[in-house]
Amino acid sequence: MILGIIALVIGLADLGGISDGTYSYLSQEEIGLLVIISLTALGLGIAASVRKNRFWVASLTVSIVSVLVMFSAASHITPSA
């Protein structure tokens, strides 16, 4: 769940920077890091739901939302040359 929260904060900060004009696009490295963190959080959230850990609903919800934010941030990737 902590990785999902970290991915959410990074993704929302990036989207906020794009929406207020601080950034015009995101680099491929930043999106790559966000993909790794989000998908790892999703895998751990799925594992928690299978084992029915204490926070499995919150963990799975946060990780799914972080993946959706990651896809939204990925739409602002650096234009390829």
N, C-alpha and C. Protein backbone atom coordinates (compact mmCIF):
# COMPACT_ATOMS: atom_id res chain seq x y z
N MET A 1 0.82 -1.18 0.00
CA MET A 1 0.00 0.00 0.00
C MET A 1 0.87 1.25 0.00
N ILE A 2 2.01 1.18 0.64
CA ILE A 2 2.90 2.34 0.70
C ILE A 2 3.44 2.67 -0.69
N LEU A 3 3.78 1.64 -1.47
CA LEU A 3 4.25 1.89 -2.83
C LEU A 3 3.16 2.53 -3.69
N GLY A 4 1.93 2.11 -3.49
CA GLY A 4 0.83 2.71 -4.22
C GLY A 4 0.64 4.18 -3.88
N ILE A 5 0.80 4.51 -2.61
CA ILE A 5 0.68 5.91 -2.17
C ILE A 5 1.83 6.73 -2.76
N ILE A 6 3.03 6.18 -2.76
CA ILE A 6 4.17 6.88 -3.35
C ILE A 6 3.95 7.11 -4.84
N ALA A 7 3.45 6.10 -5.54
CA ALA A 7 3.18 6.25 -6.97
C ALA A 7 2.09 7.28 -7.21
N LEU A 8 1.07 7.31 -6.34
CA LEU A 8 0.01 8.31 -6.48
C LEU A 8 0.56 9.72 -6.30
N VAL A 9 1.41 9.91 -5.30
CA VAL A 9 1.96 11.24 -5.04
C VAL A 9 2.83 11.70 -6.21
N ILE A 10 3.68 10.81 -6.72
CA ILE A 10 4.54 11.16 -7.85
C ILE A 10 3.69 11.48 -9.08
N GLY A 11 2.72 10.61 -9.38
CA GLY A 11 1.88 10.82 -10.55
C GLY A 11 1.03 12.07 -10.46
N LEU A 12 0.45 12.33 -9.30
CA LEU A 12 -0.38 13.52 -9.14
C LEU A 12 0.46 14.79 -9.16
N ALA A 13 1.69 14.72 -8.63
CA ALA A 13 2.58 15.88 -8.70
C ALA A 13 2.97 16.18 -10.14
N ASP A 14 3.23 15.13 -10.91
CA ASP A 14 3.55 15.32 -12.33
C ASP A 14 2.37 15.89 -13.10
N LEU A 15 1.18 15.35 -12.87
CA LEU A 15 -0.01 15.86 -13.55
C LEU A 15 -0.31 17.30 -13.13
N GLY A 16 -0.08 17.62 -11.87
CA GLY A 16 -0.27 18.99 -11.41
C GLY A 16 0.72 19.94 -12.07
N GLY A 17 1.96 19.49 -12.24
CA GLY A 17 2.96 20.31 -12.91
C GLY A 17 2.63 20.56 -14.36
N ILE A 18 2.04 19.58 -15.00
CA ILE A 18 1.64 19.76 -16.40
C ILE A 18 0.42 20.68 -16.50
N SER A 19 -0.53 20.49 -15.60
CA SER A 19 -1.76 21.30 -15.70
C SER A 19 -1.54 22.76 -15.36
N ASP A 20 -0.57 23.06 -14.47
CA ASP A 20 -0.34 24.48 -14.17
C ASP A 20 0.75 25.10 -15.03
N GLY A 21 1.29 24.36 -15.97
CA GLY A 21 2.23 24.91 -16.92
C GLY A 21 3.69 24.84 -16.52
N THR A 22 4.00 24.23 -15.38
CA THR A 22 5.39 24.10 -14.96
C THR A 22 6.16 23.21 -15.94
N TYR A 23 5.53 22.11 -16.38
CA TYR A 23 6.14 21.21 -17.35
C TYR A 23 5.28 21.21 -18.60
N SER A 24 5.92 20.99 -19.74
CA SER A 24 5.14 20.81 -20.97
C SER A 24 5.02 19.33 -21.32
N TYR A 25 5.91 18.50 -20.81
CA TYR A 25 5.86 17.07 -21.02
C TYR A 25 6.65 16.38 -19.91
N LEU A 26 6.56 15.06 -19.83
CA LEU A 26 7.31 14.27 -18.85
C LEU A 26 8.36 13.44 -19.58
N SER A 27 9.49 13.23 -18.94
CA SER A 27 10.54 12.44 -19.56
C SER A 27 10.21 10.95 -19.49
N GLN A 28 10.83 10.21 -20.38
CA GLN A 28 10.60 8.76 -20.42
C GLN A 28 11.10 8.08 -19.16
N GLU A 29 12.17 8.60 -18.56
CA GLU A 29 12.70 8.01 -17.34
C GLU A 29 11.73 8.15 -16.19
N GLU A 30 11.08 9.31 -16.11
CA GLU A 30 10.14 9.53 -15.02
C GLU A 30 8.91 8.64 -15.18
N ILE A 31 8.42 8.49 -16.39
CA ILE A 31 7.30 7.60 -16.63
C ILE A 31 7.71 6.15 -16.36
N GLY A 32 8.93 5.79 -16.74
CA GLY A 32 9.42 4.43 -16.46
C GLY A 32 9.46 4.13 -14.98
N LEU A 33 9.94 5.07 -14.19
CA LEU A 33 9.95 4.89 -12.74
C LEU A 33 8.53 4.75 -12.21
N LEU A 34 7.63 5.56 -12.70
CA LEU A 34 6.24 5.51 -12.27
C LEU A 34 5.59 4.19 -12.65
N VAL A 35 5.92 3.66 -13.82
CA VAL A 35 5.39 2.36 -14.26
C VAL A 35 5.89 1.26 -13.34
N ILE A 36 7.16 1.26 -13.02
CA ILE A 36 7.73 0.23 -12.16
C ILE A 36 7.09 0.25 -10.77
N ILE A 37 6.98 1.44 -10.19
CA ILE A 37 6.41 1.55 -8.85
C ILE A 37 4.93 1.16 -8.87
N SER A 38 4.18 1.64 -9.86
CA SER A 38 2.74 1.37 -9.92
C SER A 38 2.44 -0.11 -10.13
N LEU A 39 3.16 -0.73 -11.04
CA LEU A 39 2.91 -2.14 -11.31
C LEU A 39 3.37 -3.04 -10.16
N THR A 40 4.44 -2.64 -9.48
CA THR A 40 4.86 -3.38 -8.29
C THR A 40 3.80 -3.26 -7.20
N ALA A 41 3.26 -2.06 -7.01
CA ALA A 41 2.20 -1.85 -6.03
C ALA A 41 0.97 -2.67 -6.39
N LEU A 42 0.64 -2.75 -7.69
CA LEU A 42 -0.50 -3.54 -8.11
C LEU A 42 -0.28 -5.03 -7.82
N GLY A 43 0.92 -5.52 -8.11
CA GLY A 43 1.23 -6.91 -7.81
C GLY A 43 1.15 -7.22 -6.32
N LEU A 44 1.65 -6.32 -5.50
CA LEU A 44 1.57 -6.53 -4.06
C LEU A 44 0.14 -6.39 -3.55
N GLY A 45 -0.65 -5.51 -4.18
CA GLY A 45 -2.05 -5.39 -3.80
C GLY A 45 -2.84 -6.65 -4.15
N ILE A 46 -2.54 -7.23 -5.30
CA ILE A 46 -3.19 -8.49 -5.68
C ILE A 46 -2.79 -9.61 -4.73
N ALA A 47 -1.50 -9.66 -4.38
CA ALA A 47 -1.05 -10.67 -3.43
C ALA A 47 -1.72 -10.50 -2.07
N ALA A 48 -1.90 -9.27 -1.64
CA ALA A 48 -2.57 -9.01 -0.36
C ALA A 48 -4.04 -9.43 -0.43
N SER A 49 -4.67 -9.24 -1.59
CA SER A 49 -6.08 -9.62 -1.70
C SER A 49 -6.25 -11.13 -1.72
N VAL A 50 -5.28 -11.83 -2.28
CA VAL A 50 -5.35 -13.30 -2.29
C VAL A 50 -5.17 -13.85 -0.87
N ARG A 51 -4.26 -13.25 -0.13
CA ARG A 51 -4.02 -13.70 1.24
C ARG A 51 -4.99 -13.13 2.24
N LYS A 52 -5.83 -12.19 1.81
CA LYS A 52 -6.82 -11.53 2.66
C LYS A 52 -6.17 -10.92 3.89
N ASN A 53 -5.09 -10.16 3.63
CA ASN A 53 -4.42 -9.44 4.71
C ASN A 53 -5.34 -8.39 5.29
N ARG A 54 -4.88 -7.75 6.32
CA ARG A 54 -5.69 -6.79 7.07
C ARG A 54 -6.16 -5.60 6.23
N PHE A 55 -5.31 -5.09 5.39
CA PHE A 55 -5.62 -3.92 4.58
C PHE A 55 -5.75 -4.25 3.11
N TRP A 56 -6.26 -5.41 2.76
CA TRP A 56 -6.24 -5.83 1.37
C TRP A 56 -7.14 -4.99 0.49
N VAL A 57 -8.27 -4.51 0.98
CA VAL A 57 -9.16 -3.70 0.16
C VAL A 57 -8.51 -2.34 -0.13
N ALA A 58 -7.98 -1.71 0.90
CA ALA A 58 -7.32 -0.41 0.72
C ALA A 58 -6.10 -0.54 -0.17
N SER A 59 -5.33 -1.60 0.03
CA SER A 59 -4.12 -1.80 -0.76
C SER A 59 -4.45 -1.99 -2.24
N LEU A 60 -5.45 -2.79 -2.51
CA LEU A 60 -5.82 -3.03 -3.90
C LEU A 60 -6.42 -1.77 -4.53
N THR A 61 -7.22 -1.03 -3.79
CA THR A 61 -7.81 0.20 -4.30
C THR A 61 -6.75 1.24 -4.63
N VAL A 62 -5.82 1.45 -3.70
CA VAL A 62 -4.76 2.43 -3.92
C VAL A 62 -3.89 2.04 -5.10
N SER A 63 -3.58 0.76 -5.23
CA SER A 63 -2.72 0.33 -6.33
C SER A 63 -3.42 0.45 -7.67
N ILE A 64 -4.72 0.19 -7.74
CA ILE A 64 -5.45 0.35 -9.00
C ILE A 64 -5.52 1.82 -9.38
N VAL A 65 -5.79 2.68 -8.40
CA VAL A 65 -5.83 4.12 -8.69
C VAL A 65 -4.46 4.62 -9.14
N SER A 66 -3.39 4.10 -8.53
CA SER A 66 -2.05 4.53 -8.93
C SER A 66 -1.73 4.10 -10.36
N VAL A 67 -2.21 2.95 -10.79
CA VAL A 67 -2.01 2.52 -12.17
C VAL A 67 -2.79 3.43 -13.12
N LEU A 68 -4.00 3.82 -12.75
CA LEU A 68 -4.78 4.72 -13.59
C LEU A 68 -4.11 6.10 -13.71
N VAL A 69 -3.56 6.59 -12.60
CA VAL A 69 -2.84 7.86 -12.63
C VAL A 69 -1.59 7.73 -13.49
N MET A 70 -0.94 6.57 -13.41
CA MET A 70 0.25 6.33 -14.23
C MET A 70 -0.09 6.39 -15.71
N PHE A 71 -1.22 5.79 -16.12
CA PHE A 71 -1.63 5.85 -17.52
C PHE A 71 -1.95 7.27 -17.94
N SER A 72 -2.56 8.03 -17.05
CA SER A 72 -2.87 9.42 -17.35
C SER A 72 -1.59 10.25 -17.51
N ALA A 73 -0.62 10.00 -16.65
CA ALA A 73 0.66 10.72 -16.75
C ALA A 73 1.43 10.29 -17.99
N ALA A 74 1.29 9.03 -18.38
CA ALA A 74 2.02 8.52 -19.54
C ALA A 74 1.53 9.17 -20.85
N SER A 75 0.35 9.74 -20.82
CA SER A 75 -0.13 10.39 -22.04
C SER A 75 0.61 11.72 -22.30
N HIS A 76 1.38 12.18 -21.34
CA HIS A 76 2.15 13.42 -21.49
C HIS A 76 3.64 13.16 -21.64
N ILE A 77 4.00 12.05 -22.25
CA ILE A 77 5.40 11.66 -22.37
C ILE A 77 6.11 12.54 -23.41
N THR A 78 7.44 12.56 -23.32
CA THR A 78 8.26 13.35 -24.23
C THR A 78 7.97 12.97 -25.68
N PRO A 79 7.76 13.96 -26.54
CA PRO A 79 7.58 13.63 -27.96
C PRO A 79 8.87 13.02 -28.52
N SER A 80 8.71 11.92 -29.26
CA SER A 80 9.88 11.26 -29.81
C SER A 80 10.42 12.05 -31.00
N ALA A 81 11.73 12.00 -31.11
CA ALA A 81 12.38 12.77 -32.19
C ALA A 81 12.61 11.92 -33.41
